[in-house]
PDB file of N, CA and C in Angstrom:
ATOM      1  N   MET A   1      15.197 -22.054  -7.972  1.00  0.00           N
ATOM      2  CA  MET A   1      15.520 -21.775  -6.596  1.00  0.00           C
ATOM      3  C   MET A   1      15.118 -20.320  -6.289  1.00  0.00           C
ATOM      4  N   ALA A   2      14.428 -20.149  -5.190  1.00  0.00           N
ATOM      5  CA  ALA A   2      14.026 -18.807  -4.770  1.00  0.00           C
ATOM      6  C   ALA A   2      15.252 -18.016  -4.325  1.00  0.00           C
ATOM      7  N   VAL A   3      15.178 -16.710  -4.455  1.00  0.00           N
ATOM      8  CA  VAL A   3      16.307 -15.841  -4.102  1.00  0.00           C
ATOM      9  C   VAL A   3      16.759 -16.096  -2.666  1.00  0.00           C
ATOM     10  N   ALA A   4      15.817 -16.210  -1.743  1.00  0.00           N
ATOM     11  CA  ALA A   4      16.161 -16.381  -0.333  1.00  0.00           C
ATOM     12  C   ALA A   4      16.862 -17.710  -0.066  1.00  0.00           C
ATOM     13  N   GLU A   5      16.772 -18.662  -0.994  1.00  0.00           N
ATOM     14  CA  GLU A   5      17.403 -19.977  -0.808  1.00  0.00           C
ATOM     15  C   GLU A   5      18.808 -20.037  -1.392  1.00  0.00           C
ATOM     16  N   ARG A   6      19.232 -19.032  -2.095  1.00  0.00           N
ATOM     17  CA  ARG A   6      20.557 -19.035  -2.715  1.00  0.00           C
ATOM     18  C   ARG A   6      21.644 -18.954  -1.649  1.00  0.00           C
ATOM     19  N   PRO A   7      22.705 -19.737  -1.824  1.00  0.00           N
ATOM     20  CA  PRO A   7      23.812 -19.675  -0.860  1.00  0.00           C
ATOM     21  C   PRO A   7      24.389 -18.260  -0.781  1.00  0.00           C
ATOM     22  N   GLY A   8      24.645 -17.825   0.423  1.00  0.00           N
ATOM     23  CA  GLY A   8      25.239 -16.511   0.612  1.00  0.00           C
ATOM     24  C   GLY A   8      24.256 -15.351   0.549  1.00  0.00           C
ATOM     25  N   TYR A   9      22.969 -15.639   0.311  1.00  0.00           N
ATOM     26  CA  TYR A   9      21.978 -14.556   0.232  1.00  0.00           C
ATOM     27  C   TYR A   9      21.788 -13.930   1.605  1.00  0.00           C
ATOM     28  N   ARG A  10      21.846 -12.612   1.631  1.00  0.00           N
ATOM     29  CA  ARG A  10      21.571 -11.861   2.859  1.00  0.00           C
ATOM     30  C   ARG A  10      20.516 -10.820   2.551  1.00  0.00           C
ATOM     31  N   PRO A  11      19.377 -10.899   3.210  1.00  0.00           N
ATOM     32  CA  PRO A  11      18.331  -9.905   2.930  1.00  0.00           C
ATOM     33  C   PRO A  11      18.770  -8.509   3.344  1.00  0.00           C
ATOM     34  N   ARG A  12      18.283  -7.549   2.625  1.00  0.00           N
ATOM     35  CA  ARG A  12      18.567  -6.148   2.938  1.00  0.00           C
ATOM     36  C   ARG A  12      17.777  -5.762   4.186  1.00  0.00           C
ATOM     37  N   VAL A  13      18.445  -5.180   5.138  1.00  0.00           N
ATOM     38  CA  VAL A  13      17.811  -4.813   6.396  1.00  0.00           C
ATOM     39  C   VAL A  13      17.688  -3.297   6.455  1.00  0.00           C
ATOM     40  N   ILE A  14      16.506  -2.842   6.725  1.00  0.00           N
ATOM     41  CA  ILE A  14      16.260  -1.406   6.844  1.00  0.00           C
ATOM     42  C   ILE A  14      16.668  -0.972   8.247  1.00  0.00           C
ATOM     43  N   ARG A  15      17.564  -0.012   8.314  1.00  0.00           N
ATOM     44  CA  ARG A  15      18.066   0.469   9.609  1.00  0.00           C
ATOM     45  C   ARG A  15      17.563   1.871   9.950  1.00  0.00           C
ATOM     46  N   THR A  16      17.123   2.631   8.969  1.00  0.00           N
ATOM     47  CA  THR A  16      16.681   3.999   9.191  1.00  0.00           C
ATOM     48  C   THR A  16      15.166   4.086   9.036  1.00  0.00           C
ATOM     49  N   VAL A  17      14.529   4.707  10.010  1.00  0.00           N
ATOM     50  CA  VAL A  17      13.069   4.883   9.976  1.00  0.00           C
ATOM     51  C   VAL A  17      12.770   6.359  10.178  1.00  0.00           C
ATOM     52  N   TYR A  18      11.933   6.901   9.302  1.00  0.00           N
ATOM     53  CA  TYR A  18      11.503   8.296   9.417  1.00  0.00           C
ATOM     54  C   TYR A  18      10.211   8.325  10.233  1.00  0.00           C
ATOM     55  N   VAL A  19      10.206   9.077  11.306  1.00  0.00           N
ATOM     56  CA  VAL A  19       9.045   9.183  12.198  1.00  0.00           C
ATOM     57  C   VAL A  19       8.252  10.415  11.807  1.00  0.00           C
ATOM     58  N   GLU A  20       7.001  10.197  11.407  1.00  0.00           N
ATOM     59  CA  GLU A  20       6.126  11.321  11.086  1.00  0.00           C
ATOM     60  C   GLU A  20       5.128  11.503  12.226  1.00  0.00           C
ATOM     61  N   THR A  21       4.152  12.341  12.063  1.00  0.00           N
ATOM     62  CA  THR A  21       3.306  12.783  13.183  1.00  0.00           C
ATOM     63  C   THR A  21       2.458  11.698  13.839  1.00  0.00           C
ATOM     64  N   SER A  22       2.076  10.674  13.107  1.00  0.00           N
ATOM     65  CA  SER A  22       1.156   9.701  13.697  1.00  0.00           C
ATOM     66  C   SER A  22       1.779   8.930  14.859  1.00  0.00           C
ATOM     67  N   ILE A  23       3.073   8.652  14.804  1.00  0.00           N
ATOM     68  CA  ILE A  23       3.707   7.873  15.879  1.00  0.00           C
ATOM     69  C   ILE A  23       3.693   8.646  17.204  1.00  0.00           C
ATOM     70  N   PRO A  24       4.251   9.853  17.287  1.00  0.00           N
ATOM     71  CA  PRO A  24       4.202  10.552  18.580  1.00  0.00           C
ATOM     72  C   PRO A  24       2.779  10.904  19.008  1.00  0.00           C
ATOM     73  N   SER A  25       1.920  11.164  18.055  1.00  0.00           N
ATOM     74  CA  SER A  25       0.541  11.498  18.401  1.00  0.00           C
ATOM     75  C   SER A  25      -0.171  10.301  19.033  1.00  0.00           C
ATOM     76  N   LEU A  26      -0.040   9.127  18.428  1.00  0.00           N
ATOM     77  CA  LEU A  26      -0.666   7.934  18.996  1.00  0.00           C
ATOM     78  C   LEU A  26       0.015   7.506  20.288  1.00  0.00           C
ATOM     79  N   PHE A  27       1.314   7.705  20.401  1.00  0.00           N
ATOM     80  CA  PHE A  27       2.046   7.366  21.617  1.00  0.00           C
ATOM     81  C   PHE A  27       1.482   8.121  22.820  1.00  0.00           C
ATOM     82  N   ALA A  28       1.147   9.378  22.609  1.00  0.00           N
ATOM     83  CA  ALA A  28       0.727  10.248  23.708  1.00  0.00           C
ATOM     84  C   ALA A  28      -0.790  10.396  23.842  1.00  0.00           C
ATOM     85  N   ASP A  29      -1.546   9.902  22.891  1.00  0.00           N
ATOM     86  CA  ASP A  29      -3.012  10.041  22.885  1.00  0.00           C
ATOM     87  C   ASP A  29      -3.611   9.491  24.172  1.00  0.00           C
ATOM     88  N   THR A  30      -4.416  10.282  24.846  1.00  0.00           N
ATOM     89  CA  THR A  30      -4.998   9.875  26.129  1.00  0.00           C
ATOM     90  C   THR A  30      -6.466   9.479  26.036  1.00  0.00           C
ATOM     91  N   ARG A  31      -7.037   9.518  24.844  1.00  0.00           N
ATOM     92  CA  ARG A  31      -8.451   9.170  24.720  1.00  0.00           C
ATOM     93  C   ARG A  31      -8.662   7.677  24.982  1.00  0.00           C
ATOM     94  N   PRO A  32      -9.702   7.339  25.748  1.00  0.00           N
ATOM     95  CA  PRO A  32      -9.976   5.930  26.047  1.00  0.00           C
ATOM     96  C   PRO A  32     -10.148   5.071  24.789  1.00  0.00           C
ATOM     97  N   GLU A  33     -10.751   5.622  23.760  1.00  0.00           N
ATOM     98  CA  GLU A  33     -10.980   4.845  22.535  1.00  0.00           C
ATOM     99  C   GLU A  33      -9.684   4.584  21.754  1.00  0.00           C
ATOM    100  N   SER A  34      -8.598   5.235  22.149  1.00  0.00           N
ATOM    101  CA  SER A  34      -7.303   5.042  21.494  1.00  0.00           C
ATOM    102  C   SER A  34      -6.370   4.142  22.299  1.00  0.00           C
ATOM    103  N   ALA A  35      -6.861   3.542  23.350  1.00  0.00           N
ATOM    104  CA  ALA A  35      -6.008   2.760  24.255  1.00  0.00           C
ATOM    105  C   ALA A  35      -5.277   1.634  23.537  1.00  0.00           C
ATOM    106  N   ASP A  36      -5.943   0.899  22.673  1.00  0.00           N
ATOM    107  CA  ASP A  36      -5.285  -0.208  21.971  1.00  0.00           C
ATOM    108  C   ASP A  36      -4.196   0.299  21.030  1.00  0.00           C
ATOM    109  N   ARG A  37      -4.506   1.346  20.274  1.00  0.00           N
ATOM    110  CA  ARG A  37      -3.501   1.905  19.362  1.00  0.00           C
ATOM    111  C   ARG A  37      -2.321   2.486  20.133  1.00  0.00           C
ATOM    112  N   ARG A  38      -2.608   3.114  21.282  1.00  0.00           N
ATOM    113  CA  ARG A  38      -1.540   3.671  22.119  1.00  0.00           C
ATOM    114  C   ARG A  38      -0.620   2.554  22.613  1.00  0.00           C
ATOM    115  N   LYS A  39      -1.190   1.462  23.063  1.00  0.00           N
ATOM    116  CA  LYS A  39      -0.406   0.331  23.567  1.00  0.00           C
ATOM    117  C   LYS A  39       0.494  -0.247  22.465  1.00  0.00           C
ATOM    118  N   ILE A  40      -0.060  -0.445  21.280  1.00  0.00           N
ATOM    119  CA  ILE A  40       0.708  -0.974  20.151  1.00  0.00           C
ATOM    120  C   ILE A  40       1.821  -0.013  19.765  1.00  0.00           C
ATOM    121  N   THR A  41       1.510   1.281  19.728  1.00  0.00           N
ATOM    122  CA  THR A  41       2.499   2.292  19.345  1.00  0.00           C
ATOM    123  C   THR A  41       3.628   2.371  20.365  1.00  0.00           C
ATOM    124  N   ARG A  42       3.297   2.307  21.636  1.00  0.00           N
ATOM    125  CA  ARG A  42       4.337   2.358  22.671  1.00  0.00           C
ATOM    126  C   ARG A  42       5.225   1.125  22.623  1.00  0.00           C
ATOM    127  N   ARG A  43       4.646  -0.020  22.345  1.00  0.00           N
ATOM    128  CA  ARG A  43       5.442  -1.241  22.204  1.00  0.00           C
ATOM    129  C   ARG A  43       6.377  -1.126  20.994  1.00  0.00           C
ATOM    130  N   TRP A  44       5.828  -0.616  19.876  1.00  0.00           N
ATOM    131  CA  TRP A  44       6.650  -0.423  18.674  1.00  0.00           C
ATOM    132  C   TRP A  44       7.790   0.554  18.969  1.00  0.00           C
ATOM    133  N   TRP A  45       7.486   1.672  19.627  1.00  0.00           N
ATOM    134  CA  TRP A  45       8.481   2.706  19.911  1.00  0.00           C
ATOM    135  C   TRP A  45       9.621   2.136  20.757  1.00  0.00           C
ATOM    136  N   SER A  46       9.285   1.387  21.772  1.00  0.00           N
ATOM    137  CA  SER A  46      10.300   0.803  22.637  1.00  0.00           C
ATOM    138  C   SER A  46      11.250  -0.085  21.849  1.00  0.00           C
ATOM    139  N   ALA A  47      10.729  -0.906  20.963  1.00  0.00           N
ATOM    140  CA  ALA A  47      11.563  -1.779  20.134  1.00  0.00           C
ATOM    141  C   ALA A  47      12.325  -0.970  19.081  1.00  0.00           C
ATOM    142  N   ALA A  48      11.684   0.010  18.491  1.00  0.00           N
ATOM    143  CA  ALA A  48      12.296   0.799  17.414  1.00  0.00           C
ATOM    144  C   ALA A  48      13.497   1.590  17.904  1.00  0.00           C
ATOM    145  N   LEU A  49      13.460   2.066  19.124  1.00  0.00           N
ATOM    146  CA  LEU A  49      14.593   2.817  19.670  1.00  0.00           C
ATOM    147  C   LEU A  49      15.861   1.971  19.698  1.00  0.00           C
ATOM    148  N   ARG A  50      15.701   0.666  19.901  1.00  0.00           N
ATOM    149  CA  ARG A  50      16.851  -0.236  19.953  1.00  0.00           C
ATOM    150  C   ARG A  50      17.249  -0.765  18.580  1.00  0.00           C
ATOM    151  N   ARG A  51      16.292  -0.892  17.685  1.00  0.00           N
ATOM    152  CA  ARG A  51      16.537  -1.578  16.418  1.00  0.00           C
ATOM    153  C   ARG A  51      16.858  -0.672  15.237  1.00  0.00           C
ATOM    154  N   PHE A  52      16.424   0.581  15.302  1.00  0.00           N
ATOM    155  CA  PHE A  52      16.532   1.451  14.142  1.00  0.00           C
ATOM    156  C   PHE A  52      17.205   2.773  14.475  1.00  0.00           C
ATOM    157  N   ASP A  53      17.658   3.427  13.447  1.00  0.00           N
ATOM    158  CA  ASP A  53      18.146   4.791  13.535  1.00  0.00           C
ATOM    159  C   ASP A  53      16.951   5.677  13.179  1.00  0.00           C
ATOM    160  N   LEU A  54      16.326   6.259  14.182  1.00  0.00           N
ATOM    161  CA  LEU A  54      15.098   7.030  13.972  1.00  0.00           C
ATOM    162  C   LEU A  54      15.430   8.470  13.593  1.00  0.00           C
ATOM    163  N   HIS A  55      14.663   9.001  12.647  1.00  0.00           N
ATOM    164  CA  HIS A  55      14.827  10.377  12.182  1.00  0.00           C
ATOM    165  C   HIS A  55      13.458  11.036  12.071  1.00  0.00           C
ATOM    166  N   THR A  56      13.448  12.337  12.194  1.00  0.00           N
ATOM    167  CA  THR A  56      12.231  13.114  11.973  1.00  0.00           C
ATOM    168  C   THR A  56      12.669  14.461  11.401  1.00  0.00           C
ATOM    169  N   SER A  57      11.743  15.388  11.301  1.00  0.00           N
ATOM    170  CA  SER A  57      12.096  16.697  10.748  1.00  0.00           C
ATOM    171  C   SER A  57      11.445  17.809  11.559  1.00  0.00           C
ATOM    172  N   ASP A  58      11.908  19.009  11.316  1.00  0.00           N
ATOM    173  CA  ASP A  58      11.304  20.176  11.967  1.00  0.00           C
ATOM    174  C   ASP A  58       9.850  20.352  11.532  1.00  0.00           C
ATOM    175  N   LEU A  59       9.527  19.913  10.327  1.00  0.00           N
ATOM    176  CA  LEU A  59       8.145  20.009   9.849  1.00  0.00           C
ATOM    177  C   LEU A  59       7.210  19.151  10.693  1.00  0.00           C
ATOM    178  N   VAL A  60       7.681  17.984  11.080  1.00  0.00           N
ATOM    179  CA  VAL A  60       6.870  17.098  11.923  1.00  0.00           C
ATOM    180  C   VAL A  60       6.655  17.754  13.287  1.00  0.00           C
ATOM    181  N   ALA A  61       7.726  18.253  13.888  1.00  0.00           N
ATOM    182  CA  ALA A  61       7.596  18.931  15.179  1.00  0.00           C
ATOM    183  C   ALA A  61       6.667  20.137  15.064  1.00  0.00           C
ATOM    184  N   GLY A  62       6.795  20.892  13.981  1.00  0.00           N
ATOM    185  CA  GLY A  62       5.934  22.051  13.775  1.00  0.00           C
ATOM    186  C   GLY A  62       4.474  21.679  13.636  1.00  0.00           C
ATOM    187  N   GLU A  63       4.213  20.582  12.939  1.00  0.00           N
ATOM    188  CA  GLU A  63       2.826  20.139  12.795  1.00  0.00           C
ATOM    189  C   GLU A  63       2.256  19.708  14.139  1.00  0.00           C
ATOM    190  N   LEU A  64       3.056  19.002  14.935  1.00  0.00           N
ATOM    191  CA  LEU A  64       2.583  18.591  16.263  1.00  0.00           C
ATOM    192  C   LEU A  64       2.367  19.797  17.162  1.00  0.00           C
ATOM    193  N   LEU A  65       3.286  20.758  17.120  1.00  0.00           N
ATOM    194  CA  LEU A  65       3.144  21.966  17.941  1.00  0.00           C
ATOM    195  C   LEU A  65       1.945  22.811  17.529  1.00  0.00           C
ATOM    196  N   GLY A  66       1.587  22.749  16.261  1.00  0.00           N
ATOM    197  CA  GLY A  66       0.474  23.548  15.764  1.00  0.00           C
ATOM    198  C   GLY A  66      -0.891  23.018  16.146  1.00  0.00           C
ATOM    199  N   GLY A  67      -0.928  21.812  16.675  1.00  0.00           N
ATOM    200  CA  GLY A  67      -2.214  21.216  17.052  1.00  0.00           C
ATOM    201  C   GLY A  67      -2.725  21.739  18.376  1.00  0.00           C
ATOM    202  N   ASP A  68      -3.997  21.542  18.603  1.00  0.00           N
ATOM    203  CA  ASP A  68      -4.619  21.957  19.857  1.00  0.00           C
ATOM    204  C   ASP A  68      -5.276  20.717  20.469  1.00  0.00           C
ATOM    205  N   TYR A  69      -4.490  19.952  21.224  1.00  0.00           N
ATOM    206  CA  TYR A  69      -4.987  18.728  21.839  1.00  0.00           C
ATOM    207  C   TYR A  69      -4.228  18.521  23.147  1.00  0.00           C
ATOM    208  N   PRO A  70      -4.838  17.844  24.106  1.00  0.00           N
ATOM    209  CA  PRO A  70      -4.271  17.753  25.461  1.00  0.00           C
ATOM    210  C   PRO A  70      -2.901  17.084  25.555  1.00  0.00           C
ATOM    211  N   TRP A  71      -2.570  16.176  24.667  1.00  0.00           N
ATOM    212  CA  TRP A  71      -1.314  15.426  24.762  1.00  0.00           C
ATOM    213  C   TRP A  71      -0.222  15.979  23.844  1.00  0.00           C
ATOM    214  N   ARG A  72      -0.404  17.195  23.362  1.00  0.00           N
ATOM    215  CA  ARG A  72       0.539  17.804  22.420  1.00  0.00           C
ATOM    216  C   ARG A  72       1.967  17.852  22.962  1.00  0.00           C
ATOM    217  N   ASP A  73       2.146  18.339  24.188  1.00  0.00           N
ATOM    218  CA  ASP A  73       3.500  18.492  24.734  1.00  0.00           C
ATOM    219  C   ASP A  73       4.225  17.155  24.843  1.00  0.00           C
ATOM    220  N   GLU A  74       3.521  16.111  25.263  1.00  0.00           N
ATOM    221  CA  GLU A  74       4.148  14.786  25.360  1.00  0.00           C
ATOM    222  C   GLU A  74       4.540  14.274  23.978  1.00  0.00           C
ATOM    223  N   ALA A  75       3.687  14.510  22.981  1.00  0.00           N
ATOM    224  CA  ALA A  75       3.988  14.073  21.620  1.00  0.00           C
ATOM    225  C   ALA A  75       5.250  14.773  21.093  1.00  0.00           C
ATOM    226  N   VAL A  76       5.357  16.068  21.336  1.00  0.00           N
ATOM    227  CA  VAL A  76       6.530  16.824  20.865  1.00  0.00           C
ATOM    228  C   VAL A  76       7.777  16.404  21.636  1.00  0.00           C
ATOM    229  N   THR A  77       7.658  16.186  22.925  1.00  0.00           N
ATOM    230  CA  THR A  77       8.796  15.778  23.749  1.00  0.00           C
ATOM    231  C   THR A  77       9.346  14.428  23.294  1.00  0.00           C
ATOM    232  N   LEU A  78       8.485  13.548  22.853  1.00  0.00           N
ATOM    233  CA  LEU A  78       8.933  12.238  22.373  1.00  0.00           C
ATOM    234  C   LEU A  78       9.950  12.374  21.235  1.00  0.00           C
ATOM    235  N   LEU A  79       9.738  13.355  20.373  1.00  0.00           N
ATOM    236  CA  LEU A  79      10.647  13.563  19.249  1.00  0.00           C
ATOM    237  C   LEU A  79      12.013  14.085  19.682  1.00  0.00           C
ATOM    238  N   ALA A  80      12.081  14.700  20.841  1.00  0.00           N
ATOM    239  CA  ALA A  80      13.339  15.277  21.300  1.00  0.00           C
ATOM    240  C   ALA A  80      14.414  14.208  21.496  1.00  0.00           C
ATOM    241  N   GLY A  81      13.992  12.985  21.703  1.00  0.00           N
ATOM    242  CA  GLY A  81      14.948  11.921  21.943  1.00  0.00           C
ATOM    243  C   GLY A  81      15.555  11.308  20.684  1.00  0.00           C
ATOM    244  N   ILE A  82      15.139  11.784  19.506  1.00  0.00           N
ATOM    245  CA  ILE A  82      15.694  11.184  18.277  1.00  0.00           C
ATOM    246  C   ILE A  82      16.397  12.225  17.429  1.00  0.00           C
TER     247      ILE A  82
END
């Protein structure tokens, strides 16, 4: 019998997600060639806010702030909500 078929088995659910630089960067990316990735990332973000306990670090914010790209402020602001 497979583990998932055992009576009383409850799968472990991950509730905490660490957000690193790629998520806010792709969320805010305005380049036309990134439109599909931006759409997927925004859909993921919307669901993740409800489903997970999101965490990040000052290092992530610092890396985003250190960049020189047009959507930097939006990417950093996104982290302020977690």
